[in-house]
Amino acid sequence: MDVTIFAGPAFGMGAVTMPPGGSVRVEVGVMAMTRGDIQIETSTRGGFMKGLKRSPGGQTFFVHDVHSGIGGQVGVASTLAGDMATVKLDGSAGLMVQSGSWSASDPTIDIDSK
């Protein structure tokens, strides 16, 4: 997966390019565009209670799991003015972000509101 951020610093937008067979998890309210072979699956990712746990933390109840069989691109943009950044996680520690700041991630990343 390749991520390119442009149009910053005031109105950052990220373009996630997926290889064949790739996927990305996207916050419902931030998906701005798709290009190529894209299938979107919308769910609560973990059931009703998991979706409910995300809501008070500023995230939406639902998330999109976006898949691409032969490769494609998804654009994400913040709902408020501001820049975007990528953060690489290696599994050794968690990352805390401000409410409403998560836009997209690898589907293996567990998003939890506390």
PDB file of N, CA and C in Angstrom:
ATOM      1  N   MET A   1       0.852  -1.165   0.000  1.00  0.00           N
ATOM      2  CA  MET A   1       0.000   0.000   0.000  1.00  0.00           C
ATOM      3  C   MET A   1       0.902   1.234   0.000  1.00  0.00           C
ATOM      4  N   ASP A   2       0.571   2.184  -0.865  1.00  0.00           N
ATOM      5  CA  ASP A   2       1.345   3.408  -0.994  1.00  0.00           C
ATOM      6  C   ASP A   2       0.430   4.589  -0.682  1.00  0.00           C
ATOM      7  N   VAL A   3       0.884   5.513   0.162  1.00  0.00           N
ATOM      8  CA  VAL A   3       0.085   6.668   0.550  1.00  0.00           C
ATOM      9  C   VAL A   3       0.788   7.947   0.110  1.00  0.00           C
ATOM     10  N   THR A   4       0.059   8.808  -0.585  1.00  0.00           N
ATOM     11  CA  THR A   4       0.569  10.111  -0.994  1.00  0.00           C
ATOM     12  C   THR A   4      -0.346  11.172  -0.413  1.00  0.00           C
ATOM     13  N   ILE A   5       0.241  12.144   0.284  1.00  0.00           N
ATOM     14  CA  ILE A   5      -0.543  13.233   0.868  1.00  0.00           C
ATOM     15  C   ILE A   5      -0.262  14.494   0.065  1.00  0.00           C
ATOM     16  N   PHE A   6      -1.328  15.178  -0.324  1.00  0.00           N
ATOM     17  CA  PHE A   6      -1.176  16.408  -1.091  1.00  0.00           C
ATOM     18  C   PHE A   6      -2.229  17.418  -0.655  1.00  0.00           C
ATOM     19  N   ALA A   7      -2.177  18.623  -1.194  1.00  0.00           N
ATOM     20  CA  ALA A   7      -3.097  19.723  -0.915  1.00  0.00           C
ATOM     21  C   ALA A   7      -2.975  20.246   0.514  1.00  0.00           C
ATOM     22  N   GLY A   8      -1.883  19.945   1.207  1.00  0.00           N
ATOM     23  CA  GLY A   8      -1.676  20.467   2.555  1.00  0.00           C
ATOM     24  C   GLY A   8      -0.951  21.796   2.485  1.00  0.00           C
ATOM     25  N   PRO A   9      -0.784  22.483   3.557  1.00  0.00           N
ATOM     26  CA  PRO A   9      -1.125  22.028   4.897  1.00  0.00           C
ATOM     27  C   PRO A   9      -2.542  22.361   5.342  1.00  0.00           C
ATOM     28  N   ALA A  10      -3.275  23.154   4.607  1.00  0.00           N
ATOM     29  CA  ALA A  10      -4.592  23.575   5.088  1.00  0.00           C
ATOM     30  C   ALA A  10      -5.685  22.542   4.856  1.00  0.00           C
ATOM     31  N   PHE A  11      -5.693  21.891   3.708  1.00  0.00           N
ATOM     32  CA  PHE A  11      -6.768  20.954   3.373  1.00  0.00           C
ATOM     33  C   PHE A  11      -6.171  19.657   2.844  1.00  0.00           C
ATOM     34  N   GLY A  12      -5.417  18.968   3.693  1.00  0.00           N
ATOM     35  CA  GLY A  12      -4.731  17.754   3.286  1.00  0.00           C
ATOM     36  C   GLY A  12      -5.667  16.678   2.777  1.00  0.00           C
ATOM     37  N   MET A  13      -5.195  15.970   1.756  1.00  0.00           N
ATOM     38  CA  MET A  13      -5.928  14.828   1.208  1.00  0.00           C
ATOM     39  C   MET A  13      -4.923  13.710   0.992  1.00  0.00           C
ATOM     40  N   GLY A  14      -5.310  12.516   1.325  1.00  0.00           N
ATOM     41  CA  GLY A  14      -4.438  11.369   1.141  1.00  0.00           C
ATOM     42  C   GLY A  14      -4.979  10.453   0.066  1.00  0.00           C
ATOM     43  N   ALA A  15      -4.084  10.004  -0.799  1.00  0.00           N
ATOM     44  CA  ALA A  15      -4.445   9.030  -1.828  1.00  0.00           C
ATOM     45  C   ALA A  15      -3.768   7.718  -1.473  1.00  0.00           C
ATOM     46  N   VAL A  16      -4.556   6.692  -1.232  1.00  0.00           N
ATOM     47  CA  VAL A  16      -4.050   5.369  -0.879  1.00  0.00           C
ATOM     48  C   VAL A  16      -4.120   4.502  -2.132  1.00  0.00           C
ATOM     49  N   THR A  17      -2.964   4.100  -2.639  1.00  0.00           N
ATOM     50  CA  THR A  17      -2.897   3.243  -3.814  1.00  0.00           C
ATOM     51  C   THR A  17      -2.714   1.803  -3.345  1.00  0.00           C
ATOM     52  N   MET A  18      -3.660   0.950  -3.714  1.00  0.00           N
ATOM     53  CA  MET A  18      -3.635  -0.442  -3.287  1.00  0.00           C
ATOM     54  C   MET A  18      -3.131  -1.336  -4.412  1.00  0.00           C
ATOM     55  N   PRO A  19      -2.273  -2.276  -4.090  1.00  0.00           N
ATOM     56  CA  PRO A  19      -1.826  -3.233  -5.095  1.00  0.00           C
ATOM     57  C   PRO A  19      -2.923  -4.265  -5.353  1.00  0.00           C
ATOM     58  N   PRO A  20      -2.776  -5.103  -6.348  1.00  0.00           N
ATOM     59  CA  PRO A  20      -3.752  -6.177  -6.559  1.00  0.00           C
ATOM     60  C   PRO A  20      -3.932  -6.998  -5.281  1.00  0.00           C
ATOM     61  N   GLY A  21      -5.165  -7.203  -4.882  1.00  0.00           N
ATOM     62  CA  GLY A  21      -5.467  -7.950  -3.662  1.00  0.00           C
ATOM     63  C   GLY A  21      -5.356  -7.123  -2.397  1.00  0.00           C
ATOM     64  N   GLY A  22      -5.077  -5.837  -2.502  1.00  0.00           N
ATOM     65  CA  GLY A  22      -4.888  -4.978  -1.337  1.00  0.00           C
ATOM     66  C   GLY A  22      -6.195  -4.516  -0.732  1.00  0.00           C
ATOM     67  N   SER A  23      -6.118  -4.020   0.505  1.00  0.00           N
ATOM     68  CA  SER A  23      -7.296  -3.478   1.167  1.00  0.00           C
ATOM     69  C   SER A  23      -6.883  -2.422   2.178  1.00  0.00           C
ATOM     70  N   VAL A  24      -7.824  -1.578   2.538  1.00  0.00           N
ATOM     71  CA  VAL A  24      -7.610  -0.515   3.518  1.00  0.00           C
ATOM     72  C   VAL A  24      -8.924  -0.280   4.249  1.00  0.00           C
ATOM     73  N   ARG A  25      -8.837   0.086   5.520  1.00  0.00           N
ATOM     74  CA  ARG A  25     -10.025   0.423   6.312  1.00  0.00           C
ATOM     75  C   ARG A  25     -10.122   1.940   6.375  1.00  0.00           C
ATOM     76  N   VAL A  26     -11.310   2.484   6.075  1.00  0.00           N
ATOM     77  CA  VAL A  26     -11.494   3.928   5.950  1.00  0.00           C
ATOM     78  C   VAL A  26     -12.675   4.385   6.794  1.00  0.00           C
ATOM     79  N   GLU A  27     -12.490   5.490   7.502  1.00  0.00           N
ATOM     80  CA  GLU A  27     -13.588   6.141   8.222  1.00  0.00           C
ATOM     81  C   GLU A  27     -14.663   6.544   7.213  1.00  0.00           C
ATOM     82  N   VAL A  28     -15.924   6.292   7.514  1.00  0.00           N
ATOM     83  CA  VAL A  28     -17.006   6.534   6.559  1.00  0.00           C
ATOM     84  C   VAL A  28     -17.052   7.981   6.088  1.00  0.00           C
ATOM     85  N   GLY A  29     -16.920   8.951   6.952  1.00  0.00           N
ATOM     86  CA  GLY A  29     -17.089  10.346   6.583  1.00  0.00           C
ATOM     87  C   GLY A  29     -15.927  10.991   5.861  1.00  0.00           C
ATOM     88  N   VAL A  30     -14.812  10.273   5.668  1.00  0.00           N
ATOM     89  CA  VAL A  30     -13.641  10.906   5.062  1.00  0.00           C
ATOM     90  C   VAL A  30     -13.328  10.406   3.659  1.00  0.00           C
ATOM     91  N   MET A  31     -14.028   9.393   3.176  1.00  0.00           N
ATOM     92  CA  MET A  31     -13.734   8.888   1.836  1.00  0.00           C
ATOM     93  C   MET A  31     -14.188   9.911   0.813  1.00  0.00           C
ATOM     94  N   ALA A  32     -13.226  10.385  -0.004  1.00  0.00           N
ATOM     95  CA  ALA A  32     -13.505  11.464  -0.949  1.00  0.00           C
ATOM     96  C   ALA A  32     -13.599  10.986  -2.394  1.00  0.00           C
ATOM     97  N   MET A  33     -12.898   9.897  -2.737  1.00  0.00           N
ATOM     98  CA  MET A  33     -12.942   9.417  -4.122  1.00  0.00           C
ATOM     99  C   MET A  33     -12.402   7.998  -4.194  1.00  0.00           C
ATOM    100  N   THR A  34     -12.750   7.341  -5.287  1.00  0.00           N
ATOM    101  CA  THR A  34     -12.182   6.030  -5.595  1.00  0.00           C
ATOM    102  C   THR A  34     -11.811   6.023  -7.070  1.00  0.00           C
ATOM    103  N   ARG A  35     -10.837   5.176  -7.411  1.00  0.00           N
ATOM    104  CA  ARG A  35     -10.415   5.045  -8.803  1.00  0.00           C
ATOM    105  C   ARG A  35      -9.970   3.603  -9.020  1.00  0.00           C
ATOM    106  N   GLY A  36     -10.407   3.023 -10.123  1.00  0.00           N
ATOM    107  CA  GLY A  36      -9.984   1.668 -10.462  1.00  0.00           C
ATOM    108  C   GLY A  36     -10.920   0.615  -9.922  1.00  0.00           C
ATOM    109  N   ASP A  37     -10.373  -0.556  -9.692  1.00  0.00           N
ATOM    110  CA  ASP A  37     -11.123  -1.721  -9.235  1.00  0.00           C
ATOM    111  C   ASP A  37     -11.303  -1.656  -7.717  1.00  0.00           C
ATOM    112  N   ILE A  38     -12.437  -1.133  -7.270  1.00  0.00           N
ATOM    113  CA  ILE A  38     -12.686  -0.933  -5.844  1.00  0.00           C
ATOM    114  C   ILE A  38     -14.007  -1.587  -5.452  1.00  0.00           C
ATOM    115  N   GLN A  39     -13.985  -2.367  -4.371  1.00  0.00           N
ATOM    116  CA  GLN A  39     -15.204  -2.900  -3.762  1.00  0.00           C
ATOM    117  C   GLN A  39     -15.238  -2.378  -2.333  1.00  0.00           C
ATOM    118  N   ILE A  40     -16.403  -1.901  -1.899  1.00  0.00           N
ATOM    119  CA  ILE A  40     -16.548  -1.314  -0.569  1.00  0.00           C
ATOM    120  C   ILE A  40     -17.506  -2.162   0.255  1.00  0.00           C
ATOM    121  N   GLU A  41     -17.065  -2.526   1.434  1.00  0.00           N
ATOM    122  CA  GLU A  41     -17.877  -3.285   2.386  1.00  0.00           C
ATOM    123  C   GLU A  41     -18.032  -2.415   3.631  1.00  0.00           C
ATOM    124  N   THR A  42     -19.246  -2.014   3.950  1.00  0.00           N
ATOM    125  CA  THR A  42     -19.507  -1.163   5.109  1.00  0.00           C
ATOM    126  C   THR A  42     -20.033  -2.018   6.247  1.00  0.00           C
ATOM    127  N   SER A  43     -19.443  -1.853   7.436  1.00  0.00           N
ATOM    128  CA  SER A  43     -19.878  -2.640   8.583  1.00  0.00           C
ATOM    129  C   SER A  43     -19.502  -1.926   9.875  1.00  0.00           C
ATOM    130  N   THR A  44     -19.856  -2.545  10.996  1.00  0.00           N
ATOM    131  CA  THR A  44     -19.473  -2.020  12.305  1.00  0.00           C
ATOM    132  C   THR A  44     -18.122  -2.580  12.744  1.00  0.00           C
ATOM    133  N   ARG A  45     -17.555  -3.493  11.971  1.00  0.00           N
ATOM    134  CA  ARG A  45     -16.272  -4.153  12.265  1.00  0.00           C
ATOM    135  C   ARG A  45     -16.201  -4.608  13.714  1.00  0.00           C
ATOM    136  N   GLY A  46     -16.802  -5.715  13.992  1.00  0.00           N
ATOM    137  CA  GLY A  46     -16.760  -6.275  15.327  1.00  0.00           C
ATOM    138  C   GLY A  46     -18.122  -6.323  15.985  1.00  0.00           C
ATOM    139  N   GLY A  47     -19.156  -5.990  15.257  1.00  0.00           N
ATOM    140  CA  GLY A  47     -20.493  -6.073  15.797  1.00  0.00           C
ATOM    141  C   GLY A  47     -20.998  -4.757  16.357  1.00  0.00           C
ATOM    142  N   PHE A  48     -22.218  -4.799  16.818  1.00  0.00           N
ATOM    143  CA  PHE A  48     -22.909  -3.610  17.308  1.00  0.00           C
ATOM    144  C   PHE A  48     -22.143  -2.921  18.437  1.00  0.00           C
ATOM    145  N   MET A  49     -21.683  -3.683  19.420  1.00  0.00           N
ATOM    146  CA  MET A  49     -21.010  -3.095  20.580  1.00  0.00           C
ATOM    147  C   MET A  49     -19.683  -2.443  20.192  1.00  0.00           C
ATOM    148  N   LYS A  50     -18.939  -3.059  19.279  1.00  0.00           N
ATOM    149  CA  LYS A  50     -17.670  -2.473  18.826  1.00  0.00           C
ATOM    150  C   LYS A  50     -17.928  -1.151  18.110  1.00  0.00           C
ATOM    151  N   GLY A  51     -18.955  -1.105  17.277  1.00  0.00           N
ATOM    152  CA  GLY A  51     -19.330   0.132  16.592  1.00  0.00           C
ATOM    153  C   GLY A  51     -19.765   1.199  17.574  1.00  0.00           C
ATOM    154  N   LEU A  52     -20.515   0.793  18.593  1.00  0.00           N
ATOM    155  CA  LEU A  52     -20.988   1.721  19.610  1.00  0.00           C
ATOM    156  C   LEU A  52     -19.826   2.304  20.409  1.00  0.00           C
ATOM    157  N   LYS A  53     -18.794   1.503  20.664  1.00  0.00           N
ATOM    158  CA  LYS A  53     -17.622   1.981  21.401  1.00  0.00           C
ATOM    159  C   LYS A  53     -16.877   3.066  20.633  1.00  0.00           C
ATOM    160  N   ARG A  54     -16.885   3.007  19.288  1.00  0.00           N
ATOM    161  CA  ARG A  54     -16.177   4.015  18.491  1.00  0.00           C
ATOM    162  C   ARG A  54     -16.901   5.353  18.487  1.00  0.00           C
ATOM    163  N   SER A  55     -18.222   5.351  18.571  1.00  0.00           N
ATOM    164  CA  SER A  55     -19.023   6.571  18.410  1.00  0.00           C
ATOM    165  C   SER A  55     -18.700   7.676  19.420  1.00  0.00           C
ATOM    166  N   PRO A  56     -18.620   7.409  20.735  1.00  0.00           N
ATOM    167  CA  PRO A  56     -18.331   8.504  21.676  1.00  0.00           C
ATOM    168  C   PRO A  56     -16.942   9.102  21.484  1.00  0.00           C
ATOM    169  N   GLY A  57     -16.037   8.381  20.871  1.00  0.00           N
ATOM    170  CA  GLY A  57     -14.675   8.867  20.674  1.00  0.00           C
ATOM    171  C   GLY A  57     -14.525   9.754  19.456  1.00  0.00           C
ATOM    172  N   GLY A  58     -15.628  10.114  18.806  1.00  0.00           N
ATOM    173  CA  GLY A  58     -15.558  11.002  17.659  1.00  0.00           C
ATOM    174  C   GLY A  58     -15.518  10.270  16.331  1.00  0.00           C
ATOM    175  N   GLN A  59     -15.442   8.962  16.353  1.00  0.00           N
ATOM    176  CA  GLN A  59     -15.448   8.180  15.124  1.00  0.00           C
ATOM    177  C   GLN A  59     -16.893   7.816  14.801  1.00  0.00           C
ATOM    178  N   THR A  60     -17.136   7.411  13.564  1.00  0.00           N
ATOM    179  CA  THR A  60     -18.480   7.014  13.186  1.00  0.00           C
ATOM    180  C   THR A  60     -18.737   5.572  13.603  1.00  0.00           C
ATOM    181  N   PHE A  61     -19.999   5.221  13.643  1.00  0.00           N
ATOM    182  CA  PHE A  61     -20.429   3.879  14.024  1.00  0.00           C
ATOM    183  C   PHE A  61     -19.936   2.845  13.010  1.00  0.00           C
ATOM    184  N   PHE A  62     -19.915   3.217  11.723  1.00  0.00           N
ATOM    185  CA  PHE A  62     -19.535   2.311  10.649  1.00  0.00           C
ATOM    186  C   PHE A  62     -18.159   2.657  10.088  1.00  0.00           C
ATOM    187  N   VAL A  63     -17.522   1.666   9.481  1.00  0.00           N
ATOM    188  CA  VAL A  63     -16.273   1.871   8.737  1.00  0.00           C
ATOM    189  C   VAL A  63     -16.418   1.183   7.385  1.00  0.00           C
ATOM    190  N   HIS A  64     -15.634   1.641   6.412  1.00  0.00           N
ATOM    191  CA  HIS A  64     -15.580   1.003   5.104  1.00  0.00           C
ATOM    192  C   HIS A  64     -14.328   0.125   5.053  1.00  0.00           C
ATOM    193  N   ASP A  65     -14.487  -1.108   4.645  1.00  0.00           N
ATOM    194  CA  ASP A  65     -13.342  -1.939   4.276  1.00  0.00           C
ATOM    195  C   ASP A  65     -13.314  -1.925   2.759  1.00  0.00           C
ATOM    196  N   VAL A  66     -12.265  -1.356   2.199  1.00  0.00           N
ATOM    197  CA  VAL A  66     -12.151  -1.168   0.751  1.00  0.00           C
ATOM    198  C   VAL A  66     -11.156  -2.194   0.226  1.00  0.00           C
ATOM    199  N   HIS A  67     -11.560  -2.948  -0.775  1.00  0.00           N
ATOM    200  CA  HIS A  67     -10.732  -4.010  -1.363  1.00  0.00           C
ATOM    201  C   HIS A  67     -10.531  -3.741  -2.846  1.00  0.00           C
ATOM    202  N   SER A  68      -9.425  -4.250  -3.366  1.00  0.00           N
ATOM    203  CA  SER A  68      -9.157  -4.112  -4.788  1.00  0.00           C
ATOM    204  C   SER A  68      -8.570  -5.403  -5.325  1.00  0.00           C
ATOM    205  N   GLY A  69      -9.240  -5.985  -6.312  1.00  0.00           N
ATOM    206  CA  GLY A  69      -8.763  -7.235  -6.899  1.00  0.00           C
ATOM    207  C   GLY A  69      -7.571  -7.045  -7.823  1.00  0.00           C
ATOM    208  N   ILE A  70      -7.601  -5.983  -8.632  1.00  0.00           N
ATOM    209  CA  ILE A  70      -6.507  -5.783  -9.591  1.00  0.00           C
ATOM    210  C   ILE A  70      -5.754  -4.473  -9.360  1.00  0.00           C
ATOM    211  N   GLY A  71      -6.044  -3.768  -8.269  1.00  0.00           N
ATOM    212  CA  GLY A  71      -5.373  -2.520  -7.950  1.00  0.00           C
ATOM    213  C   GLY A  71      -6.311  -1.348  -8.095  1.00  0.00           C
ATOM    214  N   GLY A  72      -6.184  -0.382  -7.233  1.00  0.00           N
ATOM    215  CA  GLY A  72      -7.046   0.786  -7.270  1.00  0.00           C
ATOM    216  C   GLY A  72      -6.560   1.846  -6.311  1.00  0.00           C
ATOM    217  N   GLN A  73      -7.341   2.902  -6.192  1.00  0.00           N
ATOM    218  CA  GLN A  73      -6.958   4.026  -5.352  1.00  0.00           C
ATOM    219  C   GLN A  73      -8.172   4.562  -4.610  1.00  0.00           C
ATOM    220  N   VAL A  74      -7.953   4.968  -3.357  1.00  0.00           N
ATOM    221  CA  VAL A  74      -8.973   5.573  -2.521  1.00  0.00           C
ATOM    222  C   VAL A  74      -8.418   6.886  -1.999  1.00  0.00           C
ATOM    223  N   GLY A  75      -9.225   7.944  -2.064  1.00  0.00           N
ATOM    224  CA  GLY A  75      -8.820   9.235  -1.516  1.00  0.00           C
ATOM    225  C   GLY A  75      -9.554   9.514  -0.227  1.00  0.00           C
ATOM    226  N   VAL A  76      -8.821   9.995   0.781  1.00  0.00           N
ATOM    227  CA  VAL A  76      -9.422  10.376   2.052  1.00  0.00           C
ATOM    228  C   VAL A  76      -9.089  11.835   2.327  1.00  0.00           C
ATOM    229  N   ALA A  77     -10.050  12.569   2.846  1.00  0.00           N
ATOM    230  CA  ALA A  77      -9.866  13.976   3.168  1.00  0.00           C
ATOM    231  C   ALA A  77     -10.533  14.261   4.508  1.00  0.00           C
ATOM    232  N   SER A  78      -9.920  15.095   5.290  1.00  0.00           N
ATOM    233  CA  SER A  78     -10.460  15.452   6.593  1.00  0.00           C
ATOM    234  C   SER A  78     -11.742  16.258   6.449  1.00  0.00           C
ATOM    235  N   THR A  79     -12.622  16.141   7.419  1.00  0.00           N
ATOM    236  CA  THR A  79     -13.847  16.923   7.409  1.00  0.00           C
ATOM    237  C   THR A  79     -13.594  18.355   7.871  1.00  0.00           C
ATOM    238  N   LEU A  80     -12.489  18.593   8.569  1.00  0.00           N
ATOM    239  CA  LEU A  80     -12.101  19.927   9.011  1.00  0.00           C
ATOM    240  C   LEU A  80     -10.780  20.312   8.360  1.00  0.00           C
ATOM    241  N   ALA A  81     -10.517  21.596   8.282  1.00  0.00           N
ATOM    242  CA  ALA A  81      -9.250  22.058   7.711  1.00  0.00           C
ATOM    243  C   ALA A  81      -8.085  21.567   8.559  1.00  0.00           C
ATOM    244  N   GLY A  82      -7.018  21.165   7.890  1.00  0.00           N
ATOM    245  CA  GLY A  82      -5.831  20.711   8.599  1.00  0.00           C
ATOM    246  C   GLY A  82      -4.999  19.813   7.717  1.00  0.00           C
ATOM    247  N   ASP A  83      -3.821  19.489   8.196  1.00  0.00           N
ATOM    248  CA  ASP A  83      -2.909  18.659   7.444  1.00  0.00           C
ATOM    249  C   ASP A  83      -3.108  17.200   7.818  1.00  0.00           C
ATOM    250  N   MET A  84      -2.500  16.316   7.046  1.00  0.00           N
ATOM    251  CA  MET A  84      -2.549  14.878   7.303  1.00  0.00           C
ATOM    252  C   MET A  84      -1.118  14.364   7.413  1.00  0.00           C
ATOM    253  N   ALA A  85      -0.961  13.230   8.074  1.00  0.00           N
ATOM    254  CA  ALA A  85       0.347  12.599   8.199  1.00  0.00           C
ATOM    255  C   ALA A  85       0.159  11.089   8.230  1.00  0.00           C
ATOM    256  N   THR A  86       1.185  10.371   7.792  1.00  0.00           N
ATOM    257  CA  THR A  86       1.173   8.915   7.909  1.00  0.00           C
ATOM    258  C   THR A  86       2.001   8.529   9.125  1.00  0.00           C
ATOM    259  N   VAL A  87       1.576   7.462   9.789  1.00  0.00           N
ATOM    260  CA  VAL A  87       2.288   6.954  10.959  1.00  0.00           C
ATOM    261  C   VAL A  87       2.474   5.462  10.764  1.00  0.00           C
ATOM    262  N   LYS A  88       3.709   4.989  10.830  1.00  0.00           N
ATOM    263  CA  LYS A  88       3.981   3.556  10.716  1.00  0.00           C
ATOM    264  C   LYS A  88       3.929   2.935  12.107  1.00  0.00           C
ATOM    265  N   LEU A  89       3.147   1.867  12.226  1.00  0.00           N
ATOM    266  CA  LEU A  89       3.022   1.140  13.488  1.00  0.00           C
ATOM    267  C   LEU A  89       3.652  -0.231  13.331  1.00  0.00           C
ATOM    268  N   ASP A  90       4.463  -0.634  14.322  1.00  0.00           N
ATOM    269  CA  ASP A  90       5.114  -1.936  14.244  1.00  0.00           C
ATOM    270  C   ASP A  90       4.533  -2.952  15.220  1.00  0.00           C
ATOM    271  N   GLY A  91       3.497  -2.562  15.959  1.00  0.00           N
ATOM    272  CA  GLY A  91       2.850  -3.487  16.886  1.00  0.00           C
ATOM    273  C   GLY A  91       3.446  -3.483  18.284  1.00  0.00           C
ATOM    274  N   SER A  92       4.520  -2.746  18.490  1.00  0.00           N
ATOM    275  CA  SER A  92       5.149  -2.743  19.811  1.00  0.00           C
ATOM    276  C   SER A  92       4.456  -1.795  20.783  1.00  0.00           C
ATOM    277  N   ALA A  93       3.682  -0.846  20.269  1.00  0.00           N
ATOM    278  CA  ALA A  93       2.983   0.108  21.133  1.00  0.00           C
ATOM    279  C   ALA A  93       1.751   0.627  20.403  1.00  0.00           C
ATOM    280  N   GLY A  94       0.830   1.160  21.159  1.00  0.00           N
ATOM    281  CA  GLY A  94      -0.365   1.752  20.586  1.00  0.00           C
ATOM    282  C   GLY A  94      -0.120   3.209  20.227  1.00  0.00           C
ATOM    283  N   LEU A  95      -1.081   3.807  19.603  1.00  0.00           N
ATOM    284  CA  LEU A  95      -1.012   5.215  19.230  1.00  0.00           C
ATOM    285  C   LEU A  95      -2.317   5.871  19.629  1.00  0.00           C
ATOM    286  N   MET A  96      -2.230   6.948  20.403  1.00  0.00           N
ATOM    287  CA  MET A  96      -3.427   7.677  20.799  1.00  0.00           C
ATOM    288  C   MET A  96      -3.523   8.927  19.926  1.00  0.00           C
ATOM    289  N   VAL A  97      -4.691   9.121  19.328  1.00  0.00           N
ATOM    290  CA  VAL A  97      -4.920  10.305  18.506  1.00  0.00           C
ATOM    291  C   VAL A  97      -6.163  11.026  19.008  1.00  0.00           C
ATOM    292  N   GLN A  98      -6.247  12.298  18.689  1.00  0.00           N
ATOM    293  CA  GLN A  98      -7.392  13.108  19.081  1.00  0.00           C
ATOM    294  C   GLN A  98      -8.665  12.569  18.442  1.00  0.00           C
ATOM    295  N   SER A  99      -9.753  12.727  19.122  1.00  0.00           N
ATOM    296  CA  SER A  99     -11.059  12.309  18.629  1.00  0.00           C
ATOM    297  C   SER A  99     -11.301  12.829  17.220  1.00  0.00           C
ATOM    298  N   GLY A 100     -11.717  11.937  16.322  1.00  0.00           N
ATOM    299  CA  GLY A 100     -12.004  12.311  14.947  1.00  0.00           C
ATOM    300  C   GLY A 100     -10.785  12.439  14.052  1.00  0.00           C
ATOM    301  N   SER A 101      -9.598  12.062  14.545  1.00  0.00           N
ATOM    302  CA  SER A 101      -8.369  12.247  13.764  1.00  0.00           C
ATOM    303  C   SER A 101      -7.992  11.055  12.899  1.00  0.00           C
ATOM    304  N   TRP A 102      -8.515   9.880  13.170  1.00  0.00           N
ATOM    305  CA  TRP A 102      -8.183   8.707  12.362  1.00  0.00           C
ATOM    306  C   TRP A 102      -8.961   8.771  11.055  1.00  0.00           C
ATOM    307  N   SER A 103      -8.262   8.577   9.942  1.00  0.00           N
ATOM    308  CA  SER A 103      -8.905   8.587   8.634  1.00  0.00           C
ATOM    309  C   SER A 103      -8.918   7.217   7.983  1.00  0.00           C
ATOM    310  N   ALA A 104      -7.770   6.538   7.998  1.00  0.00           N
ATOM    311  CA  ALA A 104      -7.664   5.246   7.324  1.00  0.00           C
ATOM    312  C   ALA A 104      -6.486   4.478   7.889  1.00  0.00           C
ATOM    313  N   SER A 105      -6.520   3.164   7.711  1.00  0.00           N
ATOM    314  CA  SER A 105      -5.412   2.321   8.166  1.00  0.00           C
ATOM    315  C   SER A 105      -5.481   0.967   7.483  1.00  0.00           C
ATOM    316  N   ASP A 106      -4.445   0.207   7.691  1.00  0.00           N
ATOM    317  CA  ASP A 106      -4.434  -1.183   7.271  1.00  0.00           C
ATOM    318  C   ASP A 106      -5.554  -1.885   8.037  1.00  0.00           C
ATOM    319  N   PRO A 107      -6.262  -2.815   7.406  1.00  0.00           N
ATOM    320  CA  PRO A 107      -7.376  -3.490   8.092  1.00  0.00           C
ATOM    321  C   PRO A 107      -6.967  -4.281   9.328  1.00  0.00           C
ATOM    322  N   THR A 108      -5.693  -4.595   9.488  1.00  0.00           N
ATOM    323  CA  THR A 108      -5.250  -5.354  10.648  1.00  0.00           C
ATOM    324  C   THR A 108      -5.098  -4.483  11.902  1.00  0.00           C
ATOM    325  N   ILE A 109      -5.140  -3.166  11.751  1.00  0.00           N
ATOM    326  CA  ILE A 109      -5.024  -2.254  12.885  1.00  0.00           C
ATOM    327  C   ILE A 109      -6.350  -2.207  13.622  1.00  0.00           C
ATOM    328  N   ASP A 110      -6.315  -2.400  14.947  1.00  0.00           N
ATOM    329  CA  ASP A 110      -7.532  -2.370  15.761  1.00  0.00           C
ATOM    330  C   ASP A 110      -7.795  -0.935  16.209  1.00  0.00           C
ATOM    331  N   ILE A 111      -8.931  -0.382  15.811  1.00  0.00           N
ATOM    332  CA  ILE A 111      -9.318   0.968  16.179  1.00  0.00           C
ATOM    333  C   ILE A 111     -10.264   0.861  17.365  1.00  0.00           C
ATOM    334  N   ASP A 112      -9.903   1.500  18.478  1.00  0.00           N
ATOM    335  CA  ASP A 112     -10.700   1.379  19.695  1.00  0.00           C
ATOM    336  C   ASP A 112     -10.792   2.743  20.370  1.00  0.00           C
ATOM    337  N   SER A 113     -11.971   3.122  20.805  1.00  0.00           N
ATOM    338  CA  SER A 113     -12.182   4.370  21.523  1.00  0.00           C
ATOM    339  C   SER A 113     -12.219   4.088  23.010  1.00  0.00           C
ATOM    340  N   LYS A 114     -11.470   4.858  23.759  1.00  0.00           N
ATOM    341  CA  LYS A 114     -11.445   4.666  25.228  1.00  0.00           C
ATOM    342  C   LYS A 114     -11.735   5.968  25.916  1.00  0.00           C
TER     343      LYS A 114
END
